[in-house]
Protein backbone atom coordinates (compact mmCIF):
# COMPACT_ATOMS: atom_id res chain seq x y z
CA MET A 1 95.06 20.32 37.27
CA ARG A 2 92.73 20.68 34.27
CA GLY A 3 93.94 17.31 32.92
CA LEU A 4 93.06 15.61 36.21
CA ARG A 5 89.54 17.06 36.18
CA THR A 6 89.04 16.00 32.56
CA ALA A 7 90.29 12.47 33.32
CA ALA A 8 87.98 12.26 36.34
CA ALA A 9 85.02 13.46 34.27
CA VAL A 10 85.75 10.91 31.52
CA ALA A 11 86.11 8.11 34.11
CA ALA A 12 82.83 9.11 35.76
CA ALA A 13 81.03 9.16 32.40
CA VAL A 14 82.40 5.72 31.46
CA ALA A 15 81.37 4.29 34.85
CA LEU A 16 77.90 5.81 34.55
CA ALA A 17 77.44 4.49 31.02
CA ALA A 18 78.61 1.01 32.02
CA GLY A 19 76.18 0.90 34.92
CA ALA A 20 73.28 2.27 32.89
CA GLY A 21 73.68 -0.24 30.08
CA THR A 22 73.26 -3.36 32.18
CA GLY A 23 70.91 -4.63 34.82
CA VAL A 24 67.48 -5.88 35.57
CA ALA A 25 65.66 -2.79 36.74
CA SER A 26 61.90 -3.05 36.76
CA ALA A 27 60.58 -2.25 33.28
CA THR A 28 57.62 -0.31 34.68
CA ALA A 29 59.64 1.73 37.16
CA PRO A 30 60.44 5.34 36.31
CA ALA A 31 63.79 5.60 34.50
CA GLY A 32 64.63 8.83 36.32
CA ALA A 33 64.21 7.58 39.89
CA GLY A 34 66.73 9.22 42.21
CA GLU A 35 69.15 7.39 44.46
CA CYS A 36 67.62 5.78 47.54
CA GLN A 37 68.19 7.97 50.58
CA PRO A 38 69.09 6.87 54.11
CA GLY A 39 65.96 6.10 56.08
CA THR A 40 63.98 4.87 53.05
CA LEU A 41 65.59 1.42 52.94
CA LYS A 42 65.13 -1.43 55.40
CA ALA A 43 67.78 -4.16 55.28
CA THR A 44 67.22 -7.70 56.59
CA THR A 45 68.50 -11.23 56.04
CA THR A 46 66.28 -13.97 54.61
CA ASP A 47 66.65 -17.59 53.53
CA ALA A 48 64.07 -16.84 50.81
CA GLY A 49 62.63 -20.31 51.27
CA GLY A 50 65.90 -22.11 50.57
CA SER A 51 69.00 -23.28 52.35
CA GLN A 52 72.60 -22.37 51.59
CA HIS A 53 74.86 -24.84 53.41
CA GLY A 54 77.57 -27.15 52.14
CA MET A 55 81.30 -27.91 52.19
CA SER A 56 81.94 -25.65 55.25
CA HIS A 57 80.09 -22.77 53.54
CA SER A 58 76.94 -21.09 54.78
CA GLY A 59 74.92 -18.31 53.27
CA THR A 60 71.85 -16.17 53.41
CA TYR A 61 70.30 -13.51 51.24
CA LEU A 62 70.38 -9.84 52.09
CA ARG A 63 67.11 -8.09 51.33
CA VAL A 64 66.66 -4.34 51.11
CA GLN A 65 63.14 -2.95 50.84
CA ASN A 66 62.10 0.53 49.75
CA THR A 67 59.95 1.76 52.66
CA GLY A 68 59.64 5.25 51.16
CA LYS A 69 56.75 6.76 49.24
CA VAL A 70 58.54 7.21 45.89
CA ALA A 71 60.63 5.00 43.62
CA CYS A 72 64.37 5.12 44.17
CA ALA A 73 67.43 3.30 42.86
CA ILE A 74 70.43 1.50 44.33
CA SER A 75 73.46 -0.05 42.69
CA GLY A 76 76.68 -1.74 43.65
CA TYR A 77 77.44 -3.83 46.68
CA PRO A 78 76.14 -3.56 50.24
CA GLY A 79 78.53 -2.34 52.92
CA LEU A 80 78.95 -4.98 55.63
CA ALA A 81 80.54 -5.15 59.08
CA LEU A 82 80.46 -7.87 61.73
CA GLU A 83 79.74 -7.10 65.37
CA GLY A 84 80.52 -9.26 68.38
CA ALA A 85 78.86 -9.41 71.79
CA GLY A 86 77.78 -5.97 73.01
CA HIS A 87 77.95 -4.63 69.44
CA THR A 88 81.75 -4.50 69.49
CA ALA A 89 83.31 -4.07 66.06
CA LEU A 90 84.96 -7.18 64.61
CA LYS A 91 87.59 -7.08 61.88
CA THR A 92 85.64 -7.73 58.69
CA THR A 93 86.90 -8.41 55.17
CA VAL A 94 84.32 -8.22 52.39
CA ARG A 95 84.87 -9.79 48.97
CA HIS A 96 82.67 -8.64 46.07
CA GLY A 97 81.73 -10.99 43.24
CA ASP A 98 80.57 -14.58 42.83
CA THR A 99 79.85 -16.52 46.01
CA TYR A 100 79.95 -20.26 46.63
CA PHE A 101 76.19 -20.41 45.93
CA ALA A 102 75.50 -17.64 43.39
CA LYS A 103 76.86 -15.80 40.36
CA ASP A 104 77.45 -12.08 40.79
CA PRO A 105 74.98 -10.12 38.62
CA GLY A 106 77.53 -7.29 38.45
CA VAL A 107 77.03 -3.67 39.35
CA HIS A 108 73.87 -2.27 37.78
CA ARG A 109 71.09 0.11 38.71
CA VAL A 110 68.08 -1.46 40.45
CA THR A 111 64.99 0.75 40.66
CA LEU A 112 62.66 -0.01 43.56
CA LYS A 113 59.06 1.19 43.67
CA PRO A 114 57.66 1.67 47.19
CA GLY A 115 57.47 -1.76 48.84
CA GLN A 116 59.78 -3.48 46.31
CA SER A 117 62.97 -5.28 47.33
CA ALA A 118 66.44 -6.00 45.97
CA TYR A 119 68.65 -8.93 46.98
CA ALA A 120 72.31 -9.88 47.36
CA ASP A 121 73.82 -13.25 48.26
CA LEU A 122 76.00 -13.34 51.40
CA VAL A 123 78.32 -16.31 52.08
CA TRP A 124 81.00 -17.20 54.66
CA THR A 125 82.99 -20.26 55.69
CA HIS A 126 83.10 -21.84 59.14
CA THR A 127 86.05 -24.22 59.37
CA GLY A 128 87.42 -22.70 62.56
CA ALA A 129 90.26 -20.74 60.91
CA GLY A 130 90.71 -17.50 62.85
CA THR A 131 87.05 -17.57 63.80
CA ALA A 132 85.17 -14.34 64.37
CA HIS A 133 82.27 -14.96 66.76
CA ALA A 134 79.68 -12.64 65.24
CA LYS A 135 76.45 -11.73 67.00
CA SER A 136 75.20 -8.98 64.64
CA LEU A 137 75.71 -7.74 61.10
CA GLN A 138 75.69 -4.14 59.95
CA ILE A 139 74.21 -3.76 56.46
CA SER A 140 74.62 -0.48 54.60
CA PRO A 141 72.48 -0.82 51.45
CA THR A 142 74.17 2.06 49.63
CA GLY A 143 77.62 1.87 51.21
CA SER A 144 77.01 5.05 53.21
CA ASN A 145 77.20 5.43 56.97
CA ALA A 146 73.45 4.74 57.26
CA HIS A 147 72.97 1.08 58.12
CA SER A 148 70.71 -1.51 59.68
CA VAL A 149 71.92 -3.90 62.36
CA VAL A 150 70.46 -7.40 62.19
CA PRO A 151 71.00 -10.50 64.36
CA PHE A 152 73.76 -12.68 62.89
CA ASP A 153 74.87 -15.34 65.38
CA GLN A 154 77.52 -17.01 63.21
CA GLU A 155 81.09 -18.29 63.31
CA VAL A 156 82.88 -16.59 60.39
CA ASP A 157 86.37 -17.70 59.34
CA ASN A 158 88.81 -14.78 59.54
CA GLY A 159 85.84 -12.37 59.56
CA THR A 160 85.61 -12.80 55.76
CA LEU A 161 82.29 -12.38 53.95
CA SER A 162 81.59 -12.80 50.21
CA VAL A 163 78.70 -10.86 48.68
CA THR A 164 77.14 -10.30 45.26
CA ALA A 165 75.90 -6.98 43.96
CA TRP A 166 72.27 -5.93 44.50
CA SER A 167 69.79 -7.45 42.05
CA ALA A 168 66.04 -7.18 41.47
CA LYS A 169 65.79 -10.97 41.87
CA LEU A 170 67.55 -13.57 44.03
CA PRO A 171 71.09 -14.20 42.77
CA THR A 172 71.52 -17.87 41.78
CA SER A 173 74.24 -20.06 40.32
C-alpha cells in the first residue's frame, strides 16, 4: 500500500511540475492564485470577430470569464456535453488537442484577474454522419459538475466535439 501512495505522490508532483513550467499566465497576476471555484466563472461561446467554417468543419471559441472579486486559476480542458430539445442529454464524445482551426496550447495554468477571460477552440463536423441535433451545450470550465448551459443549435456528426485546452489568448493555427 505504501508503494502505491508513494507512486501516486510522485505522479502528482510530476504532473504539477509539468503544468507549472509551461503556459501563458498573466505576468502581473498573483502567482499564488487559488483554483477558480464554481460560481465565479461564466462560460459563453464567441466568434471573437472571426469565422471558423470550411471543409464540413465548423467552430467557435469558448470563453470563460472570472466574475469573482479575486484572481483565480484554471487549467486543462473544459468539460462539454451536448443537449437536444428540452435539454435532453445527447451522447457526446470530446477529443482534446489540436482542432481543425487551432493548435492546442497544451495543459497549463491560466490565472484570471477579476473580469479577465480564458479561451478554448471548439470544433465539430457536419457531414450528416450519425448526426446529433444539438440545441444547447453544457460547458464546465473546470471539469467539475458546475456548468453553464449556452444555446448551441448545431448538427454535430456522431456527437463528437474537438477542443483545445484553456489559454489566456485565442488559440490559433
